[in-house]
Amino acid sequence: FDCRAVRSVDLPTFQLITQWGEGRNFPRSSDPMGSRRGRRFWLPSAVMRPRLPLAAGVAAARAAGRLSRLAGAGGGTTIPGKLLNALDPSAVGRLASRLPRGSAIVSATNGKTTTAAMVAEILSPQLRLAHNSAGANLLSGVASTLLSANGADLGLFEVDEAALPDIAQRVRPRALC
């Protein structure tokens, strides 16, 4: 068990401008850019879309979670997070920044659930935790946990190793185990 405290996670930043059309002849007759050929640069639609107020996204995502549970379609641990992320990709980071003591991420190939459960058991008498104890360890699960983090002091997130770079960049954990 190797746990290192980190001040910030140095991960590649999301590239806003993506090269489109590399190696292909453009334009086609349906190309809105006209008759020029060559490289095109575009911004993903999430960047061009105006940012939804966080409160509106949170309300919509919480409502989706309640509907999911009422319909018996699951525990509401992923649908709210997926919706929140679709409405506002920056919402996870904004919600995580509200945690007064920051967050800690537990990630590995094996033992994430056990380790996170032990840490939660140790910390829960002293702190109110936002913990994804249901095992939803992708971005949608972390987002759903943050949606229900009312009054939490610290975020404790079990994260799948494939999702770790994206989640760590958004959450900016104080500790990464």
Protein backbone atom coordinates (compact mmCIF):
# COMPACT_ATOMS: atom_id res chain seq x y z
CA PHE A 1 0.00 0.00 0.00
CA ASP A 2 1.79 3.09 -1.23
CA CYS A 3 -0.02 6.34 -0.63
CA ARG A 4 1.62 9.63 -1.58
CA ALA A 5 0.22 13.04 -0.80
CA VAL A 6 0.31 15.33 -3.79
CA ARG A 7 -0.07 19.08 -4.04
CA SER A 8 -1.41 18.94 -7.56
CA VAL A 9 -1.75 16.30 -10.23
CA ASP A 10 0.32 17.08 -13.29
CA LEU A 11 -1.70 15.52 -16.10
CA PRO A 12 -2.00 16.44 -19.76
CA THR A 13 -4.55 19.17 -20.22
CA PHE A 14 -7.59 18.70 -22.37
CA GLN A 15 -6.85 20.02 -25.84
CA LEU A 16 -9.54 22.41 -26.93
CA ILE A 17 -8.51 22.52 -30.55
CA THR A 18 -8.42 19.22 -32.38
CA GLN A 19 -7.09 18.70 -35.86
CA TRP A 20 -9.73 17.48 -38.26
CA GLY A 21 -9.28 16.17 -41.76
CA GLU A 22 -5.62 15.14 -41.48
CA GLY A 23 -4.71 12.92 -44.43
CA ARG A 24 -8.04 13.32 -46.22
CA ASN A 25 -9.09 15.41 -49.19
CA PHE A 26 -11.51 18.11 -48.15
CA PRO A 27 -13.93 19.58 -48.85
CA ARG A 28 -16.78 17.39 -49.86
CA SER A 29 -19.90 18.89 -51.32
CA SER A 30 -21.45 18.78 -47.85
CA ASP A 31 -18.47 20.61 -46.30
CA PRO A 32 -19.73 23.84 -44.74
CA MET A 33 -16.25 25.37 -44.98
CA GLY A 34 -16.49 25.96 -48.73
CA SER A 35 -14.14 24.84 -51.48
CA ARG A 36 -10.80 25.17 -49.67
CA ARG A 37 -8.79 21.98 -49.15
CA GLY A 38 -6.55 20.92 -46.32
CA ARG A 39 -6.65 21.02 -42.56
CA ARG A 40 -9.62 22.21 -40.58
CA PHE A 41 -9.64 23.06 -36.90
CA TRP A 42 -12.78 22.83 -34.83
CA LEU A 43 -13.83 23.26 -31.24
CA PRO A 44 -15.83 20.47 -29.59
CA SER A 45 -19.49 21.36 -29.13
CA ALA A 46 -19.10 21.28 -25.33
CA VAL A 47 -16.70 24.20 -25.56
CA MET A 48 -18.88 26.28 -27.88
CA ARG A 49 -22.05 25.67 -25.85
CA PRO A 50 -22.76 28.30 -23.19
CA ARG A 51 -22.18 27.00 -19.68
CA LEU A 52 -25.32 25.94 -17.86
CA PRO A 53 -25.62 27.34 -14.33
CA LEU A 54 -24.31 24.72 -11.92
CA ALA A 55 -27.49 24.79 -9.84
CA ALA A 56 -29.61 23.92 -12.91
CA GLY A 57 -27.36 21.01 -13.86
CA VAL A 58 -27.33 19.70 -10.29
CA ALA A 59 -31.13 19.93 -10.06
CA ALA A 60 -31.61 18.09 -13.36
CA ALA A 61 -29.11 15.37 -12.42
CA ARG A 62 -30.65 14.84 -8.98
CA ALA A 63 -34.10 14.58 -10.55
CA ALA A 64 -32.77 11.97 -13.01
CA GLY A 65 -31.37 9.95 -10.11
CA ARG A 66 -34.70 10.05 -8.26
CA LEU A 67 -36.56 8.99 -11.41
CA SER A 68 -34.09 6.14 -11.96
CA ARG A 69 -34.67 4.84 -8.44
CA LEU A 70 -38.46 5.26 -8.65
CA ALA A 71 -38.59 3.41 -11.97
CA GLY A 72 -36.51 0.59 -10.50
CA ALA A 73 -33.90 1.11 -13.20
CA GLY A 74 -31.02 1.04 -10.73
CA GLY A 75 -29.67 2.77 -7.68
CA GLY A 76 -29.21 6.12 -9.37
CA THR A 77 -25.42 5.98 -9.03
CA THR A 78 -24.45 6.56 -12.68
CA ILE A 79 -27.35 8.22 -14.54
CA PRO A 80 -27.19 11.48 -12.54
CA GLY A 81 -23.44 11.74 -13.09
CA LYS A 82 -23.70 11.03 -16.80
CA LEU A 83 -26.38 13.69 -17.19
CA LEU A 84 -24.45 16.24 -15.13
CA ASN A 85 -21.29 15.66 -17.15
CA ALA A 86 -23.22 15.96 -20.42
CA LEU A 87 -24.82 19.23 -19.31
CA ASP A 88 -21.62 20.74 -17.90
CA PRO A 89 -18.24 18.96 -18.25
CA SER A 90 -16.72 21.32 -15.67
CA ALA A 91 -19.33 20.51 -13.00
CA VAL A 92 -17.32 17.71 -11.37
CA GLY A 93 -14.38 20.00 -10.75
CA ARG A 94 -16.61 22.81 -9.54
CA LEU A 95 -18.44 20.52 -7.10
CA ALA A 96 -15.17 18.96 -5.89
CA SER A 97 -13.71 22.40 -5.21
CA ARG A 98 -16.51 22.98 -2.67
CA LEU A 99 -15.21 20.22 -0.37
CA PRO A 100 -13.47 22.10 2.50
CA ARG A 101 -10.76 19.46 3.02
CA GLY A 102 -10.38 18.54 -0.63
CA SER A 103 -10.44 14.97 -1.82
CA ALA A 104 -8.47 11.75 -1.88
CA ILE A 105 -8.48 9.16 -4.66
CA VAL A 106 -7.87 5.44 -4.25
CA SER A 107 -6.98 3.72 -7.51
CA ALA A 108 -5.29 0.45 -8.43
CA THR A 109 -5.84 -2.70 -10.43
CA ASN A 110 -6.90 -4.68 -7.37
CA GLY A 111 -8.04 -3.74 -3.87
CA LYS A 112 -9.65 -0.35 -4.54
CA THR A 113 -12.97 -1.16 -2.89
CA THR A 114 -11.42 -2.75 0.19
CA THR A 115 -8.88 0.03 0.65
CA ALA A 116 -11.45 2.80 0.17
CA ALA A 117 -13.84 1.07 2.60
CA MET A 118 -11.09 0.80 5.24
CA VAL A 119 -10.10 4.45 4.82
CA ALA A 120 -13.78 5.48 5.02
CA GLU A 121 -14.22 3.47 8.21
CA ILE A 122 -11.19 5.16 9.77
CA LEU A 123 -12.14 8.70 8.70
CA SER A 124 -15.92 8.66 9.11
CA PRO A 125 -15.94 9.23 12.91
CA GLN A 126 -13.97 12.47 12.43
CA LEU A 127 -15.21 13.75 9.04
CA ARG A 128 -18.30 13.76 6.90
CA LEU A 129 -17.30 11.94 3.73
CA ALA A 130 -18.48 12.08 0.15
CA HIS A 131 -17.63 8.46 -0.72
CA ASN A 132 -18.65 6.42 -3.74
CA SER A 133 -19.23 3.32 -1.62
CA ALA A 134 -21.66 1.82 -4.15
CA GLY A 135 -18.70 0.97 -6.38
CA ALA A 136 -19.47 3.43 -9.19
CA ASN A 137 -15.81 4.19 -9.87
CA LEU A 138 -15.94 5.97 -13.23
CA LEU A 139 -16.50 9.68 -13.85
CA SER A 140 -20.27 9.29 -13.71
CA GLY A 141 -20.05 7.62 -10.29
CA VAL A 142 -17.77 10.31 -8.88
CA ALA A 143 -20.13 12.98 -10.24
CA SER A 144 -23.13 11.23 -8.65
CA THR A 145 -21.27 11.05 -5.34
CA LEU A 146 -20.51 14.77 -5.49
CA LEU A 147 -24.18 15.46 -6.20
CA SER A 148 -25.09 13.87 -2.88
CA ALA A 149 -22.16 15.38 -0.95
CA ASN A 150 -24.23 17.89 1.02
CA GLY A 151 -22.19 19.02 3.99
CA ALA A 152 -19.28 16.67 3.29
CA ASP A 153 -15.84 17.73 4.48
CA LEU A 154 -13.74 15.39 2.35
CA GLY A 155 -14.24 13.48 -0.88
CA LEU A 156 -12.99 9.89 -0.84
CA PHE A 157 -13.24 8.42 -4.30
CA GLU A 158 -12.54 4.91 -5.49
CA VAL A 159 -11.51 5.36 -9.13
CA ASP A 160 -10.92 2.86 -11.91
CA GLU A 161 -7.35 3.07 -13.15
CA ALA A 162 -8.49 3.72 -16.73
CA ALA A 163 -10.54 6.73 -15.58
CA LEU A 164 -7.88 8.03 -13.17
CA PRO A 165 -6.22 10.66 -15.42
CA ASP A 166 -9.52 12.32 -16.34
CA ILE A 167 -10.98 12.23 -12.83
CA ALA A 168 -7.76 13.38 -11.16
CA GLN A 169 -7.54 16.32 -13.54
CA ARG A 170 -11.11 17.36 -12.70
CA VAL A 171 -11.10 16.65 -8.94
CA ARG A 172 -7.52 17.77 -8.16
CA PRO A 173 -7.05 15.42 -5.18
CA ARG A 174 -4.87 16.28 -2.18
CA ALA A 175 -3.90 12.60 -1.87
CA LEU A 176 -3.64 9.85 -4.48
CA CYS A 177 -3.31 6.28 -3.22
